[in-house]
PDB file of N, CA and C in Angstrom:
ATOM      1  N   MET A   1      40.337 130.048  77.365  1.00  0.00           N
ATOM      2  CA  MET A   1      38.956 130.404  77.133  1.00  0.00           C
ATOM      3  C   MET A   1      38.754 130.827  75.676  1.00  0.00           C
ATOM      4  N   LEU A   2      39.743 131.478  75.075  1.00  0.00           N
ATOM      5  CA  LEU A   2      39.631 131.874  73.668  1.00  0.00           C
ATOM      6  C   LEU A   2      39.460 130.648  72.777  1.00  0.00           C
ATOM      7  N   GLN A   3      40.136 129.575  73.113  1.00  0.00           N
ATOM      8  CA  GLN A   3      40.008 128.336  72.342  1.00  0.00           C
ATOM      9  C   GLN A   3      38.581 127.799  72.437  1.00  0.00           C
ATOM     10  N   LEU A   4      37.969 127.884  73.602  1.00  0.00           N
ATOM     11  CA  LEU A   4      36.607 127.401  73.800  1.00  0.00           C
ATOM     12  C   LEU A   4      35.611 128.233  72.992  1.00  0.00           C
ATOM     13  N   ILE A   5      35.683 129.558  73.083  1.00  0.00           N
ATOM     14  CA  ILE A   5      34.685 130.380  72.405  1.00  0.00           C
ATOM     15  C   ILE A   5      34.863 130.405  70.888  1.00  0.00           C
ATOM     16  N   THR A   6      36.069 130.089  70.394  1.00  0.00           N
ATOM     17  CA  THR A   6      36.272 130.043  68.941  1.00  0.00           C
ATOM     18  C   THR A   6      36.140 128.628  68.386  1.00  0.00           C
ATOM     19  N   ASN A   7      35.747 127.660  69.242  1.00  0.00           N
ATOM     20  CA  ASN A   7      35.544 126.278  68.795  1.00  0.00           C
ATOM     21  C   ASN A   7      36.805 125.713  68.125  1.00  0.00           C
ATOM     22  N   ASP A   8      37.952 125.980  68.731  1.00  0.00           N
ATOM     23  CA  ASP A   8      39.265 125.528  68.265  1.00  0.00           C
ATOM     24  C   ASP A   8      39.771 126.240  67.017  1.00  0.00           C
ATOM     25  N   ASN A   9      39.156 127.367  66.617  1.00  0.00           N
ATOM     26  CA  ASN A   9      39.719 128.141  65.507  1.00  0.00           C
ATOM     27  C   ASN A   9      41.006 128.836  65.937  1.00  0.00           C
ATOM     28  N   PHE A  10      41.073 129.234  67.201  1.00  0.00           N
ATOM     29  CA  PHE A  10      42.299 129.758  67.785  1.00  0.00           C
ATOM     30  C   PHE A  10      42.704 128.774  68.871  1.00  0.00           C
ATOM     31  N   VAL A  11      43.711 127.970  68.609  1.00  0.00           N
ATOM     32  CA  VAL A  11      44.126 126.929  69.531  1.00  0.00           C
ATOM     33  C   VAL A  11      45.263 127.441  70.404  1.00  0.00           C
ATOM     34  N   SER A  12      45.108 127.260  71.704  1.00  0.00           N
ATOM     35  CA  SER A  12      46.173 127.637  72.637  1.00  0.00           C
ATOM     36  C   SER A  12      47.351 126.702  72.456  1.00  0.00           C
ATOM     37  N   VAL A  13      48.535 127.253  72.506  1.00  0.00           N
ATOM     38  CA  VAL A  13      49.737 126.438  72.358  1.00  0.00           C
ATOM     39  C   VAL A  13      50.336 126.171  73.723  1.00  0.00           C
ATOM     40  N   TYR A  14      50.932 125.004  73.861  1.00  0.00           N
ATOM     41  CA  TYR A  14      51.685 124.708  75.074  1.00  0.00           C
ATOM     42  C   TYR A  14      52.986 125.477  74.981  1.00  0.00           C
ATOM     43  N   HIS A  15      53.316 126.217  76.000  1.00  0.00           N
ATOM     44  CA  HIS A  15      54.545 126.994  75.952  1.00  0.00           C
ATOM     45  C   HIS A  15      55.308 126.842  77.258  1.00  0.00           C
ATOM     46  N   ARG A  16      56.578 127.081  77.158  1.00  0.00           N
ATOM     47  CA  ARG A  16      57.446 126.998  78.324  1.00  0.00           C
ATOM     48  C   ARG A  16      58.561 128.005  78.158  1.00  0.00           C
ATOM     49  N   VAL A  17      59.287 128.209  79.211  1.00  0.00           N
ATOM     50  CA  VAL A  17      60.376 129.173  79.206  1.00  0.00           C
ATOM     51  C   VAL A  17      61.684 128.433  79.427  1.00  0.00           C
ATOM     52  N   LEU A  18      62.661 128.747  78.612  1.00  0.00           N
ATOM     53  CA  LEU A  18      64.005 128.214  78.807  1.00  0.00           C
ATOM     54  C   LEU A  18      64.827 129.293  79.498  1.00  0.00           C
ATOM     55  N   LEU A  19      65.397 128.955  80.621  1.00  0.00           N
ATOM     56  CA  LEU A  19      66.168 129.929  81.384  1.00  0.00           C
ATOM     57  C   LEU A  19      67.585 130.050  80.841  1.00  0.00           C
ATOM     58  N   SER A  20      68.076 131.231  80.947  1.00  0.00           N
ATOM     59  CA  SER A  20      69.471 131.466  80.581  1.00  0.00           C
ATOM     60  C   SER A  20      70.195 132.006  81.809  1.00  0.00           C
ATOM     61  N   ASN A  21      71.501 132.044  81.745  1.00  0.00           N
ATOM     62  CA  ASN A  21      72.294 132.539  82.864  1.00  0.00           C
ATOM     63  C   ASN A  21      72.597 134.028  82.733  1.00  0.00           C
ATOM     64  N   LYS A  22      71.854 134.728  81.908  1.00  0.00           N
ATOM     65  CA  LYS A  22      72.140 136.135  81.655  1.00  0.00           C
ATOM     66  C   LYS A  22      71.517 137.075  82.682  1.00  0.00           C
ATOM     67  N   GLY A  23      70.759 136.554  83.604  1.00  0.00           N
ATOM     68  CA  GLY A  23      70.145 137.410  84.617  1.00  0.00           C
ATOM     69  C   GLY A  23      68.823 136.841  85.078  1.00  0.00           C
ATOM     70  N   PRO A  24      68.172 137.560  85.965  1.00  0.00           N
ATOM     71  CA  PRO A  24      66.905 137.048  86.493  1.00  0.00           C
ATOM     72  C   PRO A  24      65.804 137.093  85.435  1.00  0.00           C
ATOM     73  N   ARG A  25      64.867 136.174  85.567  1.00  0.00           N
ATOM     74  CA  ARG A  25      63.705 136.136  84.677  1.00  0.00           C
ATOM     75  C   ARG A  25      62.571 136.858  85.380  1.00  0.00           C
ATOM     76  N   VAL A  26      61.900 137.735  84.676  1.00  0.00           N
ATOM     77  CA  VAL A  26      60.790 138.488  85.240  1.00  0.00           C
ATOM     78  C   VAL A  26      59.536 138.175  84.436  1.00  0.00           C
ATOM     79  N   SER A  27      58.473 137.784  85.121  1.00  0.00           N
ATOM     80  CA  SER A  27      57.186 137.528  84.482  1.00  0.00           C
ATOM     81  C   SER A  27      56.158 138.485  85.040  1.00  0.00           C
ATOM     82  N   VAL A  28      55.293 138.971  84.175  1.00  0.00           N
ATOM     83  CA  VAL A  28      54.234 139.873  84.601  1.00  0.00           C
ATOM     84  C   VAL A  28      52.920 139.326  84.063  1.00  0.00           C
ATOM     85  N   ALA A  29      51.997 139.038  84.962  1.00  0.00           N
ATOM     86  CA  ALA A  29      50.679 138.552  84.557  1.00  0.00           C
ATOM     87  C   ALA A  29      49.734 139.741  84.447  1.00  0.00           C
ATOM     88  N   ASN A  30      48.923 139.739  83.404  1.00  0.00           N
ATOM     89  CA  ASN A  30      47.940 140.790  83.199  1.00  0.00           C
ATOM     90  C   ASN A  30      46.567 140.164  83.038  1.00  0.00           C
ATOM     91  N   PHE A  31      45.603 140.687  83.733  1.00  0.00           N
ATOM     92  CA  PHE A  31      44.232 140.219  83.626  1.00  0.00           C
ATOM     93  C   PHE A  31      43.350 141.416  83.319  1.00  0.00           C
ATOM     94  N   PHE A  32      42.538 141.298  82.296  1.00  0.00           N
ATOM     95  CA  PHE A  32      41.659 142.382  81.907  1.00  0.00           C
ATOM     96  C   PHE A  32      40.226 141.903  82.030  1.00  0.00           C
ATOM     97  N   GLY A  33      39.383 142.747  82.507  1.00  0.00           N
ATOM     98  CA  GLY A  33      37.982 142.373  82.610  1.00  0.00           C
ATOM     99  C   GLY A  33      37.229 143.377  83.453  1.00  0.00           C
ATOM    100  N   ASN A  34      35.931 143.250  83.442  1.00  0.00           N
ATOM    101  CA  ASN A  34      35.058 144.121  84.196  1.00  0.00           C
ATOM    102  C   ASN A  34      34.610 143.373  85.441  1.00  0.00           C
ATOM    103  N   LEU A  35      35.196 143.695  86.564  1.00  0.00           N
ATOM    104  CA  LEU A  35      34.852 143.005  87.802  1.00  0.00           C
ATOM    105  C   LEU A  35      34.077 143.903  88.758  1.00  0.00           C
ATOM    106  N   TYR A  36      33.355 144.884  88.206  1.00  0.00           N
ATOM    107  CA  TYR A  36      32.539 145.741  89.066  1.00  0.00           C
ATOM    108  C   TYR A  36      31.418 144.943  89.708  1.00  0.00           C
ATOM    109  N   ASP A  37      30.885 143.982  88.995  1.00  0.00           N
ATOM    110  CA  ASP A  37      29.847 143.101  89.534  1.00  0.00           C
ATOM    111  C   ASP A  37      30.399 141.683  89.485  1.00  0.00           C
ATOM    112  N   LEU A  38      31.060 141.253  90.555  1.00  0.00           N
ATOM    113  CA  LEU A  38      31.746 139.973  90.587  1.00  0.00           C
ATOM    114  C   LEU A  38      30.784 138.809  90.380  1.00  0.00           C
ATOM    115  N   ASP A  39      29.589 138.867  90.986  1.00  0.00           N
ATOM    116  CA  ASP A  39      28.618 137.783  90.812  1.00  0.00           C
ATOM    117  C   ASP A  39      28.230 137.626  89.348  1.00  0.00           C
ATOM    118  N   GLU A  40      28.032 138.739  88.665  1.00  0.00           N
ATOM    119  CA  GLU A  40      27.679 138.692  87.238  1.00  0.00           C
ATOM    120  C   GLU A  40      28.837 138.144  86.416  1.00  0.00           C
ATOM    121  N   ALA A  41      30.049 138.564  86.731  1.00  0.00           N
ATOM    122  CA  ALA A  41      31.226 138.093  85.996  1.00  0.00           C
ATOM    123  C   ALA A  41      31.408 136.589  86.157  1.00  0.00           C
ATOM    124  N   LEU A  42      31.239 136.072  87.378  1.00  0.00           N
ATOM    125  CA  LEU A  42      31.431 134.645  87.630  1.00  0.00           C
ATOM    126  C   LEU A  42      30.337 133.792  87.008  1.00  0.00           C
ATOM    127  N   SER A  43      29.123 134.313  86.942  1.00  0.00           N
ATOM    128  CA  SER A  43      28.008 133.516  86.424  1.00  0.00           C
ATOM    129  C   SER A  43      27.852 133.623  84.907  1.00  0.00           C
ATOM    130  N   LYS A  44      28.623 134.476  84.260  1.00  0.00           N
ATOM    131  CA  LYS A  44      28.531 134.626  82.802  1.00  0.00           C
ATOM    132  C   LYS A  44      28.821 133.290  82.131  1.00  0.00           C
ATOM    133  N   ILE A  45      28.005 132.943  81.152  1.00  0.00           N
ATOM    134  CA  ILE A  45      28.136 131.666  80.441  1.00  0.00           C
ATOM    135  C   ILE A  45      28.923 131.878  79.152  1.00  0.00           C
ATOM    136  N   TYR A  46      29.916 131.011  78.946  1.00  0.00           N
ATOM    137  CA  TYR A  46      30.739 131.040  77.741  1.00  0.00           C
ATOM    138  C   TYR A  46      30.574 129.728  76.994  1.00  0.00           C
ATOM    139  N   GLY A  47      30.577 129.816  75.688  1.00  0.00           N
ATOM    140  CA  GLY A  47      30.503 128.648  74.832  1.00  0.00           C
ATOM    141  C   GLY A  47      30.961 129.039  73.443  1.00  0.00           C
ATOM    142  N   PRO A  48      31.012 128.085  72.520  1.00  0.00           N
ATOM    143  CA  PRO A  48      31.418 128.411  71.153  1.00  0.00           C
ATOM    144  C   PRO A  48      30.503 129.474  70.545  1.00  0.00           C
ATOM    145  N   ILE A  49      31.089 130.401  69.820  1.00  0.00           N
ATOM    146  CA  ILE A  49      30.335 131.459  69.154  1.00  0.00           C
ATOM    147  C   ILE A  49      29.411 130.817  68.110  1.00  0.00           C
ATOM    148  N   LYS A  50      28.134 131.134  68.192  1.00  0.00           N
ATOM    149  CA  LYS A  50      27.118 130.484  67.343  1.00  0.00           C
ATOM    150  C   LYS A  50      27.397 130.673  65.850  1.00  0.00           C
ATOM    151  N   LYS A  51      27.928 131.820  65.447  1.00  0.00           N
ATOM    152  CA  LYS A  51      28.191 132.083  64.028  1.00  0.00           C
ATOM    153  C   LYS A  51      29.310 131.199  63.469  1.00  0.00           C
ATOM    154  N   LEU A  52      30.096 130.597  64.340  1.00  0.00           N
ATOM    155  CA  LEU A  52      31.179 129.714  63.893  1.00  0.00           C
ATOM    156  C   LEU A  52      30.719 128.267  63.756  1.00  0.00           C
ATOM    157  N   LEU A  53      29.472 127.982  64.115  1.00  0.00           N
ATOM    158  CA  LEU A  53      28.957 126.612  64.111  1.00  0.00           C
ATOM    159  C   LEU A  53      28.004 126.385  62.951  1.00  0.00           C
ATOM    160  N   SER A  54      27.922 125.144  62.512  1.00  0.00           N
ATOM    161  CA  SER A  54      26.988 124.736  61.465  1.00  0.00           C
ATOM    162  C   SER A  54      26.789 123.227  61.593  1.00  0.00           C
ATOM    163  N   GLU A  55      26.018 122.647  60.677  1.00  0.00           N
ATOM    164  CA  GLU A  55      25.861 121.188  60.685  1.00  0.00           C
ATOM    165  C   GLU A  55      27.189 120.505  60.400  1.00  0.00           C
ATOM    166  N   GLU A  56      28.010 121.121  59.534  1.00  0.00           N
ATOM    167  CA  GLU A  56      29.304 120.552  59.181  1.00  0.00           C
ATOM    168  C   GLU A  56      30.358 120.824  60.264  1.00  0.00           C
ATOM    169  N   ILE A  57      30.146 121.872  61.038  1.00  0.00           N
ATOM    170  CA  ILE A  57      31.087 122.251  62.099  1.00  0.00           C
ATOM    171  C   ILE A  57      30.313 122.315  63.417  1.00  0.00           C
ATOM    172  N   PRO A  58      30.155 121.177  64.080  1.00  0.00           N
ATOM    173  CA  PRO A  58      29.416 121.161  65.358  1.00  0.00           C
ATOM    174  C   PRO A  58      30.280 121.718  66.502  1.00  0.00           C
ATOM    175  N   PRO A  59      29.664 122.075  67.613  1.00  0.00           N
ATOM    176  CA  PRO A  59      30.450 122.559  68.742  1.00  0.00           C
ATOM    177  C   PRO A  59      31.366 121.466  69.301  1.00  0.00           C
ATOM    178  N   ILE A  60      32.535 121.855  69.716  1.00  0.00           N
ATOM    179  CA  ILE A  60      33.507 120.935  70.312  1.00  0.00           C
ATOM    180  C   ILE A  60      33.408 120.990  71.840  1.00  0.00           C
ATOM    181  N   TYR A  61      32.991 122.153  72.344  1.00  0.00           N
ATOM    182  CA  TYR A  61      32.927 122.369  73.785  1.00  0.00           C
ATOM    183  C   TYR A  61      31.511 122.692  74.221  1.00  0.00           C
ATOM    184  N   ARG A  62      31.184 122.325  75.456  1.00  0.00           N
ATOM    185  CA  ARG A  62      29.892 122.685  76.032  1.00  0.00           C
ATOM    186  C   ARG A  62      30.001 124.073  76.652  1.00  0.00           C
ATOM    187  N   GLU A  63      28.857 124.702  76.869  1.00  0.00           N
ATOM    188  CA  GLU A  63      28.850 125.992  77.537  1.00  0.00           C
ATOM    189  C   GLU A  63      29.203 125.795  79.008  1.00  0.00           C
ATOM    190  N   THR A  64      29.866 126.782  79.575  1.00  0.00           N
ATOM    191  CA  THR A  64      30.269 126.719  80.978  1.00  0.00           C
ATOM    192  C   THR A  64      30.315 128.127  81.546  1.00  0.00           C
ATOM    193  N   SER A  65      30.167 128.235  82.838  1.00  0.00           N
ATOM    194  CA  SER A  65      30.297 129.543  83.483  1.00  0.00           C
ATOM    195  C   SER A  65      31.775 129.826  83.726  1.00  0.00           C
ATOM    196  N   PHE A  66      32.083 131.083  83.857  1.00  0.00           N
ATOM    197  CA  PHE A  66      33.459 131.468  84.155  1.00  0.00           C
ATOM    198  C   PHE A  66      33.868 130.909  85.512  1.00  0.00           C
ATOM    199  N   GLU A  67      32.924 130.870  86.449  1.00  0.00           N
ATOM    200  CA  GLU A  67      33.204 130.330  87.780  1.00  0.00           C
ATOM    201  C   GLU A  67      33.589 128.853  87.705  1.00  0.00           C
ATOM    202  N   GLU A  68      32.836 128.062  86.917  1.00  0.00           N
ATOM    203  CA  GLU A  68      33.145 126.635  86.776  1.00  0.00           C
ATOM    204  C   GLU A  68      34.501 126.435  86.102  1.00  0.00           C
ATOM    205  N   PHE A  69      34.762 127.216  85.054  1.00  0.00           N
ATOM    206  CA  PHE A  69      36.032 127.114  84.349  1.00  0.00           C
ATOM    207  C   PHE A  69      37.200 127.420  85.283  1.00  0.00           C
ATOM    208  N   MET A  70      37.111 128.521  86.031  1.00  0.00           N
ATOM    209  CA  MET A  70      38.206 128.912  86.921  1.00  0.00           C
ATOM    210  C   MET A  70      38.375 127.931  88.081  1.00  0.00           C
ATOM    211  N   ALA A  71      37.268 127.387  88.594  1.00  0.00           N
ATOM    212  CA  ALA A  71      37.363 126.401  89.676  1.00  0.00           C
ATOM    213  C   ALA A  71      38.144 125.183  89.199  1.00  0.00           C
ATOM    214  N   HIS A  72      37.828 124.718  87.984  1.00  0.00           N
ATOM    215  CA  HIS A  72      38.563 123.570  87.434  1.00  0.00           C
ATOM    216  C   HIS A  72      40.025 123.937  87.203  1.00  0.00           C
ATOM    217  N   TYR A  73      40.264 125.095  86.630  1.00  0.00           N
ATOM    218  CA  TYR A  73      41.628 125.528  86.307  1.00  0.00           C
ATOM    219  C   TYR A  73      42.486 125.604  87.568  1.00  0.00           C
ATOM    220  N   MET A  74      41.945 126.168  88.641  1.00  0.00           N
ATOM    221  CA  MET A  74      42.711 126.307  89.876  1.00  0.00           C
ATOM    222  C   MET A  74      42.906 124.959  90.570  1.00  0.00           C
ATOM    223  N   LYS A  75      41.911 124.074  90.507  1.00  0.00           N
ATOM    224  CA  LYS A  75      42.016 122.755  91.141  1.00  0.00           C
ATOM    225  C   LYS A  75      43.032 121.878  90.404  1.00  0.00           C
ATOM    226  N   LYS A  76      43.036 121.962  89.083  1.00  0.00           N
ATOM    227  CA  LYS A  76      43.911 121.142  88.246  1.00  0.00           C
ATOM    228  C   LYS A  76      45.375 121.484  88.464  1.00  0.00           C
ATOM    229  N   GLY A  77      45.667 122.748  88.655  1.00  0.00           N
ATOM    230  CA  GLY A  77      47.049 123.169  88.847  1.00  0.00           C
ATOM    231  C   GLY A  77      47.808 123.227  87.531  1.00  0.00           C
ATOM    232  N   PHE A  78      49.081 123.450  87.628  1.00  0.00           N
ATOM    233  CA  PHE A  78      49.931 123.616  86.451  1.00  0.00           C
ATOM    234  C   PHE A  78      50.652 122.310  86.148  1.00  0.00           C
ATOM    235  N   ASP A  79      49.902 121.359  85.627  1.00  0.00           N
ATOM    236  CA  ASP A  79      50.472 120.038  85.358  1.00  0.00           C
ATOM    237  C   ASP A  79      50.803 119.825  83.884  1.00  0.00           C
ATOM    238  N   GLY A  80      50.609 120.858  83.058  1.00  0.00           N
ATOM    239  CA  GLY A  80      50.922 120.749  81.640  1.00  0.00           C
ATOM    240  C   GLY A  80      49.809 120.154  80.796  1.00  0.00           C
ATOM    241  N   SER A  81      48.703 119.729  81.434  1.00  0.00           N
ATOM    242  CA  SER A  81      47.595 119.158  80.665  1.00  0.00           C
ATOM    243  C   SER A  81      46.644 120.258  80.214  1.00  0.00           C
ATOM    244  N   ASN A  82      45.827 119.943  79.233  1.00  0.00           N
ATOM    245  CA  ASN A  82      44.871 120.882  78.676  1.00  0.00           C
ATOM    246  C   ASN A  82      43.746 121.129  79.672  1.00  0.00           C
ATOM    247  N   SER A  83      43.508 122.378  80.018  1.00  0.00           N
ATOM    248  CA  SER A  83      42.471 122.703  80.995  1.00  0.00           C
ATOM    249  C   SER A  83      41.071 122.678  80.399  1.00  0.00           C
ATOM    250  N   LEU A  84      40.942 122.514  79.089  1.00  0.00           N
ATOM    251  CA  LEU A  84      39.631 122.478  78.443  1.00  0.00           C
ATOM    252  C   LEU A  84      39.062 121.070  78.309  1.00  0.00           C
ATOM    253  N   GLN A  85      39.813 120.045  78.626  1.00  0.00           N
ATOM    254  CA  GLN A  85      39.374 118.670  78.427  1.00  0.00           C
ATOM    255  C   GLN A  85      38.005 118.378  79.060  1.00  0.00           C
ATOM    256  N   PRO A  86      37.732 118.790  80.286  1.00  0.00           N
ATOM    257  CA  PRO A  86      36.435 118.467  80.885  1.00  0.00           C
ATOM    258  C   PRO A  86      35.250 119.172  80.222  1.00  0.00           C
ATOM    259  N   PHE A  87      35.513 120.150  79.380  1.00  0.00           N
ATOM    260  CA  PHE A  87      34.448 120.907  78.742  1.00  0.00           C
ATOM    261  C   PHE A  87      34.171 120.445  77.316  1.00  0.00           C
ATOM    262  N   ARG A  88      34.907 119.438  76.856  1.00  0.00           N
ATOM    263  CA  ARG A  88      34.678 118.905  75.503  1.00  0.00           C
ATOM    264  C   ARG A  88      33.397 118.087  75.483  1.00  0.00           C
ATOM    265  N   LEU A  89      32.728 118.133  74.365  1.00  0.00           N
ATOM    266  CA  LEU A  89      31.501 117.335  74.186  1.00  0.00           C
ATOM    267  C   LEU A  89      31.842 115.932  73.735  1.00  0.00           C
TER     268      LEU A  89
END
């Protein structure tokens, strides 16, 4: 999502983990956000920040709701492909 709102100024990198035999691997996922009003959180619209756009730098992504983004992300699964592709203009 950071890549979408910054219009590719901050590009997400593909990353992976190489396992070693030194012991178990532990991963911890952290999610931060205000979910007091879930309907409001899901319907919030995200798009490229307007101050980062100009005639010379047009938007790369269309605006989308968090709900639409997450629905696509969960449906797509972890196949290694870019989850932002359907949101490109």
